[in-house]
PDB file of N, CA and C in Angstrom:
ATOM      1  N   MET A   1    -144.941  57.899  56.767  1.00  0.00           N
ATOM      2  CA  MET A   1    -144.094  58.330  55.682  1.00  0.00           C
ATOM      3  C   MET A   1    -142.637  58.023  55.978  1.00  0.00           C
ATOM      4  N   ARG A   2    -142.272  58.182  57.238  1.00  0.00           N
ATOM      5  CA  ARG A   2    -140.884  57.941  57.628  1.00  0.00           C
ATOM      6  C   ARG A   2    -140.529  56.463  57.468  1.00  0.00           C
ATOM      7  N   TRP A   3    -141.480  55.574  57.799  1.00  0.00           N
ATOM      8  CA  TRP A   3    -141.214  54.152  57.679  1.00  0.00           C
ATOM      9  C   TRP A   3    -141.072  53.749  56.207  1.00  0.00           C
ATOM     10  N   LEU A   4    -141.795  54.381  55.365  1.00  0.00           N
ATOM     11  CA  LEU A   4    -141.681  54.116  53.936  1.00  0.00           C
ATOM     12  C   LEU A   4    -140.315  54.514  53.405  1.00  0.00           C
ATOM     13  N   LEU A   5    -139.808  55.649  53.828  1.00  0.00           N
ATOM     14  CA  LEU A   5    -138.484  56.118  53.421  1.00  0.00           C
ATOM     15  C   LEU A   5    -137.392  55.184  53.920  1.00  0.00           C
ATOM     16  N   VAL A   6    -137.513  54.741  55.171  1.00  0.00           N
ATOM     17  CA  VAL A   6    -136.535  53.800  55.742  1.00  0.00           C
ATOM     18  C   VAL A   6    -136.601  52.472  54.972  1.00  0.00           C
ATOM     19  N   GLY A   7    -137.775  51.985  54.673  1.00  0.00           N
ATOM     20  CA  GLY A   7    -137.937  50.731  53.944  1.00  0.00           C
ATOM     21  C   GLY A   7    -137.362  50.814  52.534  1.00  0.00           C
ATOM     22  N   LEU A   8    -137.628  51.902  51.845  1.00  0.00           N
ATOM     23  CA  LEU A   8    -137.082  52.069  50.492  1.00  0.00           C
ATOM     24  C   LEU A   8    -135.558  52.206  50.510  1.00  0.00           C
ATOM     25  N   THR A   9    -135.010  52.873  51.500  1.00  0.00           N
ATOM     26  CA  THR A   9    -133.565  52.999  51.644  1.00  0.00           C
ATOM     27  C   THR A   9    -132.937  51.630  51.900  1.00  0.00           C
ATOM     28  N   ALA A  10    -133.546  50.830  52.760  1.00  0.00           N
ATOM     29  CA  ALA A  10    -133.039  49.482  53.043  1.00  0.00           C
ATOM     30  C   ALA A  10    -133.103  48.626  51.781  1.00  0.00           C
ATOM     31  N   LEU A  11    -134.185  48.757  51.024  1.00  0.00           N
ATOM     32  CA  LEU A  11    -134.313  48.002  49.781  1.00  0.00           C
ATOM     33  C   LEU A  11    -133.250  48.427  48.762  1.00  0.00           C
ATOM     34  N   LEU A  12    -132.983  49.710  48.683  1.00  0.00           N
ATOM     35  CA  LEU A  12    -131.947  50.213  47.783  1.00  0.00           C
ATOM     36  C   LEU A  12    -130.573  49.678  48.176  1.00  0.00           C
ATOM     37  N   ILE A  13    -130.273  49.659  49.456  1.00  0.00           N
ATOM     38  CA  ILE A  13    -128.983  49.137  49.931  1.00  0.00           C
ATOM     39  C   ILE A  13    -128.873  47.645  49.610  1.00  0.00           C
ATOM     40  N   LEU A  14    -129.943  46.904  49.824  1.00  0.00           N
ATOM     41  CA  LEU A  14    -129.938  45.475  49.529  1.00  0.00           C
ATOM     42  C   LEU A  14    -129.716  45.228  48.039  1.00  0.00           C
ATOM     43  N   LEU A  15    -130.397  45.969  47.196  1.00  0.00           N
ATOM     44  CA  LEU A  15    -130.226  45.793  45.757  1.00  0.00           C
ATOM     45  C   LEU A  15    -128.826  46.192  45.296  1.00  0.00           C
ATOM     46  N   GLN A  16    -128.270  47.231  45.857  1.00  0.00           N
ATOM     47  CA  GLN A  16    -126.911  47.651  45.510  1.00  0.00           C
ATOM     48  C   GLN A  16    -125.899  46.595  45.939  1.00  0.00           C
ATOM     49  N   TYR A  17    -126.111  45.976  47.105  1.00  0.00           N
ATOM     50  CA  TYR A  17    -125.220  44.906  47.562  1.00  0.00           C
ATOM     51  C   TYR A  17    -125.259  43.745  46.573  1.00  0.00           C
ATOM     52  N   ARG A  18    -126.458  43.355  46.162  1.00  0.00           N
ATOM     53  CA  ARG A  18    -126.582  42.239  45.223  1.00  0.00           C
ATOM     54  C   ARG A  18    -125.957  42.573  43.874  1.00  0.00           C
ATOM     55  N   LEU A  19    -126.072  43.826  43.470  1.00  0.00           N
ATOM     56  CA  LEU A  19    -125.518  44.234  42.180  1.00  0.00           C
ATOM     57  C   LEU A  19    -123.994  44.210  42.194  1.00  0.00           C
ATOM     58  N   TRP A  20    -123.370  44.711  43.226  1.00  0.00           N
ATOM     59  CA  TRP A  20    -121.912  44.885  43.244  1.00  0.00           C
ATOM     60  C   TRP A  20    -121.161  43.716  43.864  1.00  0.00           C
ATOM     61  N   LEU A  21    -121.686  43.079  44.872  1.00  0.00           N
ATOM     62  CA  LEU A  21    -120.887  42.121  45.631  1.00  0.00           C
ATOM     63  C   LEU A  21    -121.394  40.683  45.590  1.00  0.00           C
ATOM     64  N   ALA A  22    -122.656  40.455  45.477  1.00  0.00           N
ATOM     65  CA  ALA A  22    -123.200  39.098  45.565  1.00  0.00           C
ATOM     66  C   ALA A  22    -122.900  38.306  44.292  1.00  0.00           C
ATOM     67  N   GLY A  23    -123.165  36.992  44.377  1.00  0.00           N
ATOM     68  CA  GLY A  23    -122.954  36.126  43.224  1.00  0.00           C
ATOM     69  C   GLY A  23    -123.820  36.565  42.061  1.00  0.00           C
ATOM     70  N   GLY A  24    -123.247  36.572  40.878  1.00  0.00           N
ATOM     71  CA  GLY A  24    -123.969  37.023  39.705  1.00  0.00           C
ATOM     72  C   GLY A  24    -123.924  38.522  39.514  1.00  0.00           C
ATOM     73  N   GLY A  25    -123.155  39.198  40.357  1.00  0.00           N
ATOM     74  CA  GLY A  25    -123.058  40.648  40.253  1.00  0.00           C
ATOM     75  C   GLY A  25    -121.932  41.079  39.329  1.00  0.00           C
ATOM     76  N   ILE A  26    -121.640  42.354  39.389  1.00  0.00           N
ATOM     77  CA  ILE A  26    -120.628  42.939  38.509  1.00  0.00           C
ATOM     78  C   ILE A  26    -119.229  42.404  38.816  1.00  0.00           C
ATOM     79  N   ALA A  27    -118.911  42.228  40.097  1.00  0.00           N
ATOM     80  CA  ALA A  27    -117.577  41.732  40.459  1.00  0.00           C
ATOM     81  C   ALA A  27    -117.340  40.336  39.891  1.00  0.00           C
ATOM     82  N   GLU A  28    -118.346  39.494  39.955  1.00  0.00           N
ATOM     83  CA  GLU A  28    -118.188  38.142  39.407  1.00  0.00           C
ATOM     84  C   GLU A  28    -118.080  38.180  37.885  1.00  0.00           C
ATOM     85  N   ALA A  29    -118.812  39.078  37.246  1.00  0.00           N
ATOM     86  CA  ALA A  29    -118.727  39.200  35.788  1.00  0.00           C
ATOM     87  C   ALA A  29    -117.328  39.627  35.360  1.00  0.00           C
ATOM     88  N   VAL A  30    -116.707  40.525  36.103  1.00  0.00           N
ATOM     89  CA  VAL A  30    -115.344  40.958  35.789  1.00  0.00           C
ATOM     90  C   VAL A  30    -114.370  39.795  35.954  1.00  0.00           C
ATOM     91  N   ARG A  31    -114.519  39.027  37.028  1.00  0.00           N
ATOM     92  CA  ARG A  31    -113.648  37.862  37.241  1.00  0.00           C
ATOM     93  C   ARG A  31    -113.816  36.845  36.128  1.00  0.00           C
ATOM     94  N   LEU A  32    -115.047  36.593  35.727  1.00  0.00           N
ATOM     95  CA  LEU A  32    -115.287  35.619  34.663  1.00  0.00           C
ATOM     96  C   LEU A  32    -114.730  36.087  33.325  1.00  0.00           C
ATOM     97  N   ASN A  33    -114.827  37.369  33.033  1.00  0.00           N
ATOM     98  CA  ASN A  33    -114.243  37.886  31.790  1.00  0.00           C
ATOM     99  C   ASN A  33    -112.734  37.728  31.776  1.00  0.00           C
ATOM    100  N   ALA A  34    -112.087  37.933  32.920  1.00  0.00           N
ATOM    101  CA  ALA A  34    -110.635  37.736  32.998  1.00  0.00           C
ATOM    102  C   ALA A  34    -110.283  36.268  32.770  1.00  0.00           C
ATOM    103  N   ARG A  35    -111.065  35.359  33.345  1.00  0.00           N
ATOM    104  CA  ARG A  35    -110.812  33.933  33.140  1.00  0.00           C
ATOM    105  C   ARG A  35    -111.029  33.535  31.683  1.00  0.00           C
ATOM    106  N   ILE A  36    -112.026  34.129  31.050  1.00  0.00           N
ATOM    107  CA  ILE A  36    -112.290  33.832  29.632  1.00  0.00           C
ATOM    108  C   ILE A  36    -111.115  34.271  28.768  1.00  0.00           C
ATOM    109  N   GLU A  37    -110.570  35.444  29.024  1.00  0.00           N
ATOM    110  CA  GLU A  37    -109.421  35.932  28.254  1.00  0.00           C
ATOM    111  C   GLU A  37    -108.216  35.024  28.437  1.00  0.00           C
ATOM    112  N   ASP A  38    -107.955  34.596  29.679  1.00  0.00           N
ATOM    113  CA  ASP A  38    -106.835  33.680  29.926  1.00  0.00           C
ATOM    114  C   ASP A  38    -107.030  32.364  29.189  1.00  0.00           C
ATOM    115  N   GLN A  39    -108.244  31.838  29.234  1.00  0.00           N
ATOM    116  CA  GLN A  39    -108.512  30.569  28.569  1.00  0.00           C
ATOM    117  C   GLN A  39    -108.399  30.701  27.060  1.00  0.00           C
ATOM    118  N   GLN A  40    -108.807  31.834  26.501  1.00  0.00           N
ATOM    119  CA  GLN A  40    -108.683  32.038  25.061  1.00  0.00           C
ATOM    120  C   GLN A  40    -107.219  32.100  24.639  1.00  0.00           C
ATOM    121  N   LYS A  41    -106.361  32.705  25.461  1.00  0.00           N
ATOM    122  CA  LYS A  41    -104.923  32.729  25.153  1.00  0.00           C
ATOM    123  C   LYS A  41    -104.359  31.319  25.176  1.00  0.00           C
ATOM    124  N   THR A  42    -104.733  30.543  26.188  1.00  0.00           N
ATOM    125  CA  THR A  42    -104.260  29.166  26.290  1.00  0.00           C
ATOM    126  C   THR A  42    -104.741  28.347  25.091  1.00  0.00           C
ATOM    127  N   ASN A  43    -105.996  28.532  24.716  1.00  0.00           N
ATOM    128  CA  ASN A  43    -106.543  27.804  23.564  1.00  0.00           C
ATOM    129  C   ASN A  43    -105.814  28.158  22.274  1.00  0.00           C
ATOM    130  N   ALA A  44    -105.477  29.425  22.095  1.00  0.00           N
ATOM    131  CA  ALA A  44    -104.754  29.845  20.891  1.00  0.00           C
ATOM    132  C   ALA A  44    -103.379  29.180  20.830  1.00  0.00           C
ATOM    133  N   GLN A  45    -102.696  29.105  21.962  1.00  0.00           N
ATOM    134  CA  GLN A  45    -101.384  28.451  21.992  1.00  0.00           C
ATOM    135  C   GLN A  45    -101.514  26.966  21.667  1.00  0.00           C
ATOM    136  N   LEU A  46    -102.518  26.324  22.231  1.00  0.00           N
ATOM    137  CA  LEU A  46    -102.709  24.899  21.966  1.00  0.00           C
ATOM    138  C   LEU A  46    -103.115  24.637  20.518  1.00  0.00           C
ATOM    139  N   GLN A  47    -103.902  25.521  19.927  1.00  0.00           N
ATOM    140  CA  GLN A  47    -104.279  25.358  18.528  1.00  0.00           C
ATOM    141  C   GLN A  47    -103.067  25.499  17.614  1.00  0.00           C
ATOM    142  N   ALA A  48    -102.168  26.428  17.939  1.00  0.00           N
ATOM    143  CA  ALA A  48    -100.959  26.585  17.138  1.00  0.00           C
ATOM    144  C   ALA A  48    -100.095  25.332  17.246  1.00  0.00           C
ATOM    145  N   ARG A  49     -99.977  24.784  18.451  1.00  0.00           N
ATOM    146  CA  ARG A  49     -99.193  23.564  18.649  1.00  0.00           C
ATOM    147  C   ARG A  49     -99.821  22.396  17.903  1.00  0.00           C
ATOM    148  N   ASN A  50    -101.142  22.285  17.956  1.00  0.00           N
ATOM    149  CA  ASN A  50    -101.824  21.204  17.254  1.00  0.00           C
ATOM    150  C   ASN A  50    -101.646  21.325  15.742  1.00  0.00           C
ATOM    151  N   ALA A  51    -101.686  22.544  15.229  1.00  0.00           N
ATOM    152  CA  ALA A  51    -101.487  22.745  13.792  1.00  0.00           C
ATOM    153  C   ALA A  51    -100.087  22.302  13.381  1.00  0.00           C
ATOM    154  N   LEU A  52     -99.086  22.613  14.192  1.00  0.00           N
ATOM    155  CA  LEU A  52     -97.716  22.193  13.894  1.00  0.00           C
ATOM    156  C   LEU A  52     -97.597  20.678  13.918  1.00  0.00           C
ATOM    157  N   LEU A  53     -98.192  20.047  14.917  1.00  0.00           N
ATOM    158  CA  LEU A  53     -98.143  18.587  15.000  1.00  0.00           C
ATOM    159  C   LEU A  53     -98.887  17.939  13.832  1.00  0.00           C
ATOM    160  N   GLU A  54    -100.007  18.522  13.449  1.00  0.00           N
ATOM    161  CA  GLU A  54    -100.755  17.990  12.320  1.00  0.00           C
ATOM    162  C   GLU A  54     -99.948  18.091  11.029  1.00  0.00           C
ATOM    163  N   GLN A  55     -99.245  19.204  10.867  1.00  0.00           N
ATOM    164  CA  GLN A  55     -98.402  19.373   9.687  1.00  0.00           C
ATOM    165  C   GLN A  55     -97.286  18.331   9.669  1.00  0.00           C
ATOM    166  N   GLN A  56     -96.674  18.078  10.807  1.00  0.00           N
ATOM    167  CA  GLN A  56     -95.613  17.075  10.882  1.00  0.00           C
ATOM    168  C   GLN A  56     -96.157  15.680  10.577  1.00  0.00           C
ATOM    169  N   ILE A  57     -97.346  15.379  11.068  1.00  0.00           N
ATOM    170  CA  ILE A  57     -97.944  14.069  10.803  1.00  0.00           C
ATOM    171  C   ILE A  57     -98.206  13.897   9.315  1.00  0.00           C
ATOM    172  N   LEU A  58     -98.757  14.925   8.685  1.00  0.00           N
ATOM    173  CA  LEU A  58     -99.028  14.834   7.248  1.00  0.00           C
ATOM    174  C   LEU A  58     -97.743  14.672   6.453  1.00  0.00           C
ATOM    175  N   GLU A  59     -96.687  15.366   6.857  1.00  0.00           N
ATOM    176  CA  GLU A  59     -95.402  15.224   6.161  1.00  0.00           C
ATOM    177  C   GLU A  59     -94.867  13.808   6.302  1.00  0.00           C
ATOM    178  N   LEU A  60     -95.001  13.234   7.492  1.00  0.00           N
ATOM    179  CA  LEU A  60     -94.500  11.881   7.706  1.00  0.00           C
ATOM    180  C   LEU A  60     -95.334  10.847   6.954  1.00  0.00           C
ATOM    181  N   GLN A  61     -96.621  11.093   6.808  1.00  0.00           N
ATOM    182  CA  GLN A  61     -97.472  10.152   6.091  1.00  0.00           C
ATOM    183  C   GLN A  61     -97.273  10.233   4.584  1.00  0.00           C
ATOM    184  N   ASN A  62     -96.892  11.368   4.057  1.00  0.00           N
ATOM    185  CA  ASN A  62     -96.862  11.570   2.618  1.00  0.00           C
ATOM    186  C   ASN A  62     -95.546  11.218   1.945  1.00  0.00           C
ATOM    187  N   GLY A  63     -94.456  11.178   2.637  1.00  0.00           N
ATOM    188  CA  GLY A  63     -93.234  10.932   1.890  1.00  0.00           C
ATOM    189  C   GLY A  63     -92.114  10.352   2.728  1.00  0.00           C
ATOM    190  N   SER A  64     -91.253   9.625   2.030  1.00  0.00           N
ATOM    191  CA  SER A  64     -90.103   9.042   2.707  1.00  0.00           C
ATOM    192  C   SER A  64     -88.963  10.050   2.800  1.00  0.00           C
ATOM    193  N   ARG A  65     -89.065  11.156   2.036  1.00  0.00           N
ATOM    194  CA  ARG A  65     -88.021  12.182   2.085  1.00  0.00           C
ATOM    195  C   ARG A  65     -87.923  12.786   3.487  1.00  0.00           C
ATOM    196  N   VAL A  66     -89.049  13.016   4.096  1.00  0.00           N
ATOM    197  CA  VAL A  66     -89.062  13.603   5.435  1.00  0.00           C
ATOM    198  C   VAL A  66     -88.522  12.599   6.451  1.00  0.00           C
ATOM    199  N   ILE A  67     -88.880  11.347   6.282  1.00  0.00           N
ATOM    200  CA  ILE A  67     -88.375  10.308   7.193  1.00  0.00           C
ATOM    201  C   ILE A  67     -86.864  10.205   7.059  1.00  0.00           C
ATOM    202  N   GLU A  68     -86.370  10.242   5.834  1.00  0.00           N
ATOM    203  CA  GLU A  68     -84.925  10.181   5.604  1.00  0.00           C
ATOM    204  C   GLU A  68     -84.224  11.388   6.230  1.00  0.00           C
ATOM    205  N   GLN A  69     -84.806  12.559   6.064  1.00  0.00           N
ATOM    206  CA  GLN A  69     -84.207  13.766   6.634  1.00  0.00           C
ATOM    207  C   GLN A  69     -84.145  13.672   8.163  1.00  0.00           C
ATOM    208  N   ARG A  70     -85.218  13.200   8.770  1.00  0.00           N
ATOM    209  CA  ARG A  70     -85.215  13.057  10.229  1.00  0.00           C
ATOM    210  C   ARG A  70     -84.187  12.029  10.688  1.00  0.00           C
ATOM    211  N   ALA A  71     -84.047  10.946   9.954  1.00  0.00           N
ATOM    212  CA  ALA A  71     -83.064   9.930  10.313  1.00  0.00           C
ATOM    213  C   ALA A  71     -81.652  10.502  10.227  1.00  0.00           C
ATOM    214  N   ARG A  72     -81.399  11.322   9.225  1.00  0.00           N
ATOM    215  CA  ARG A  72     -80.073  11.914   9.080  1.00  0.00           C
ATOM    216  C   ARG A  72     -79.796  12.926  10.189  1.00  0.00           C
ATOM    217  N   GLU A  73     -80.762  13.790  10.454  1.00  0.00           N
ATOM    218  CA  GLU A  73     -80.547  14.861  11.429  1.00  0.00           C
ATOM    219  C   GLU A  73     -80.561  14.352  12.866  1.00  0.00           C
ATOM    220  N   ASP A  74     -81.566  13.558  13.202  1.00  0.00           N
ATOM    221  CA  ASP A  74     -81.742  13.145  14.594  1.00  0.00           C
ATOM    222  C   ASP A  74     -80.856  11.964  14.978  1.00  0.00           C
ATOM    223  N   LEU A  75     -80.683  11.018  14.058  1.00  0.00           N
ATOM    224  CA  LEU A  75     -79.954   9.799  14.397  1.00  0.00           C
ATOM    225  C   LEU A  75     -78.551   9.746  13.791  1.00  0.00           C
ATOM    226  N   GLY A  76     -78.239  10.661  12.891  1.00  0.00           N
ATOM    227  CA  GLY A  76     -76.915  10.688  12.276  1.00  0.00           C
ATOM    228  C   GLY A  76     -76.684   9.544  11.301  1.00  0.00           C
ATOM    229  N   LEU A  77     -77.714   9.061  10.666  1.00  0.00           N
ATOM    230  CA  LEU A  77     -77.581   7.941   9.731  1.00  0.00           C
ATOM    231  C   LEU A  77     -77.042   8.405   8.389  1.00  0.00           C
ATOM    232  N   VAL A  78     -76.360   7.484   7.692  1.00  0.00           N
ATOM    233  CA  VAL A  78     -75.754   7.758   6.391  1.00  0.00           C
ATOM    234  C   VAL A  78     -76.232   6.677   5.430  1.00  0.00           C
ATOM    235  N   LYS A  79     -76.516   7.071   4.182  1.00  0.00           N
ATOM    236  CA  LYS A  79     -76.927   6.101   3.170  1.00  0.00           C
ATOM    237  C   LYS A  79     -75.762   5.196   2.797  1.00  0.00           C
ATOM    238  N   GLU A  80     -76.110   4.035   2.261  1.00  0.00           N
ATOM    239  CA  GLU A  80     -75.080   3.115   1.782  1.00  0.00           C
ATOM    240  C   GLU A  80     -74.418   3.719   0.557  1.00  0.00           C
ATOM    241  N   GLY A  81     -73.100   3.718   0.535  1.00  0.00           N
ATOM    242  CA  GLY A  81     -72.358   4.274  -0.579  1.00  0.00           C
ATOM    243  C   GLY A  81     -71.979   5.731  -0.385  1.00  0.00           C
ATOM    244  N   GLU A  82     -72.460   6.376   0.634  1.00  0.00           N
ATOM    245  CA  GLU A  82     -72.104   7.761   0.901  1.00  0.00           C
ATOM    246  C   GLU A  82     -70.843   7.809   1.759  1.00  0.00           C
ATOM    247  N   ILE A  83     -70.130   8.881   1.618  1.00  0.00           N
ATOM    248  CA  ILE A  83     -68.939   9.096   2.444  1.00  0.00           C
ATOM    249  C   ILE A  83     -69.262  10.229   3.412  1.00  0.00           C
ATOM    250  N   TYR A  84     -68.986   9.999   4.658  1.00  0.00           N
ATOM    251  CA  TYR A  84     -69.296  10.970   5.699  1.00  0.00           C
ATOM    252  C   TYR A  84     -68.022  11.698   6.092  1.00  0.00           C
ATOM    253  N   PHE A  85     -68.027  13.009   6.006  1.00  0.00           N
ATOM    254  CA  PHE A  85     -66.894  13.836   6.413  1.00  0.00           C
ATOM    255  C   PHE A  85     -67.297  14.620   7.651  1.00  0.00           C
ATOM    256  N   GLN A  86     -66.398  14.638   8.635  1.00  0.00           N
ATOM    257  CA  GLN A  86     -66.653  15.429   9.828  1.00  0.00           C
ATOM    258  C   GLN A  86     -65.497  16.412   9.975  1.00  0.00           C
ATOM    259  N   PHE A  87     -65.807  17.667   9.997  1.00  0.00           N
ATOM    260  CA  PHE A  87     -64.799  18.704  10.093  1.00  0.00           C
ATOM    261  C   PHE A  87     -64.756  19.229  11.518  1.00  0.00           C
ATOM    262  N   THR A  88     -63.553  19.438  11.987  1.00  0.00           N
ATOM    263  CA  THR A  88     -63.381  20.046  13.309  1.00  0.00           C
ATOM    264  C   THR A  88     -62.705  21.387  13.111  1.00  0.00           C
ATOM    265  N   ASP A  89     -62.785  22.234  14.113  1.00  0.00           N
ATOM    266  CA  ASP A  89     -62.182  23.551  13.978  1.00  0.00           C
ATOM    267  C   ASP A  89     -60.678  23.519  14.227  1.00  0.00           C
ATOM    268  N   GLY A  90     -60.152  22.448  14.791  1.00  0.00           N
ATOM    269  CA  GLY A  90     -58.717  22.301  14.954  1.00  0.00           C
ATOM    270  C   GLY A  90     -58.154  22.981  16.190  1.00  0.00           C
ATOM    271  N   THR A  91     -58.940  23.599  17.007  1.00  0.00           N
ATOM    272  CA  THR A  91     -58.413  24.303  18.192  1.00  0.00           C
ATOM    273  C   THR A  91     -57.931  23.303  19.225  1.00  0.00           C
ATOM    274  N   ALA A  92     -58.545  22.135  19.316  1.00  0.00           N
ATOM    275  CA  ALA A  92     -58.119  21.144  20.303  1.00  0.00           C
ATOM    276  C   ALA A  92     -56.728  20.618  19.965  1.00  0.00           C
ATOM    277  N   GLU A  93     -56.408  20.470  18.668  1.00  0.00           N
ATOM    278  CA  GLU A  93     -55.091  19.962  18.277  1.00  0.00           C
ATOM    279  C   GLU A  93     -54.019  21.020  18.483  1.00  0.00           C
ATOM    280  N   ARG A  94     -54.325  22.277  18.300  1.00  0.00           N
ATOM    281  CA  ARG A  94     -53.326  23.352  18.458  1.00  0.00           C
ATOM    282  C   ARG A  94     -52.973  23.573  19.917  1.00  0.00           C
ATOM    283  N   GLU A  95     -53.931  23.349  20.797  1.00  0.00           N
ATOM    284  CA  GLU A  95     -53.674  23.612  22.228  1.00  0.00           C
ATOM    285  C   GLU A  95     -52.792  22.553  22.854  1.00  0.00           C
ATOM    286  N   GLN A  96     -52.772  21.348  22.325  1.00  0.00           N
ATOM    287  CA  GLN A  96     -51.943  20.289  22.902  1.00  0.00           C
ATOM    288  C   GLN A  96     -50.495  20.465  22.436  1.00  0.00           C
ATOM    289  N   PRO A  97     -49.522  20.288  23.346  1.00  0.00           N
ATOM    290  CA  PRO A  97     -48.096  20.443  22.960  1.00  0.00           C
ATOM    291  C   PRO A  97     -47.593  19.317  22.124  1.00  0.00           C
TER     292      PRO A  97
END
C-alpha cells in the first residue's frame, strides 16, 4: 500500500510539472497569448498605414488636382500666368541698423 501511495504521489508531481512548466503547459500558453496581443497591435498599425497609402494611391490615380496640389506644396511650383507673393514678418529688416 505504501508503494502505491509513493507511486501515485510521484505521478501527481510529474503531471503537475508538465502542466505548469513543460512545453505546452500553462506558462507557454500565457507567453503565446502575450505574443498574439503584441502581433495584433502591430497588425492594426500596419493596416491603418496601408489604408492611408491606398487612399493616397487612389487619389493620385483619379485626378490631376491632387497631383497639382502636391507639386505646389512639395515642390513650390507655380502655374504659368500666376503671380507668386512671398510675405515675410519683417523682423530681420528691423534688427539690421
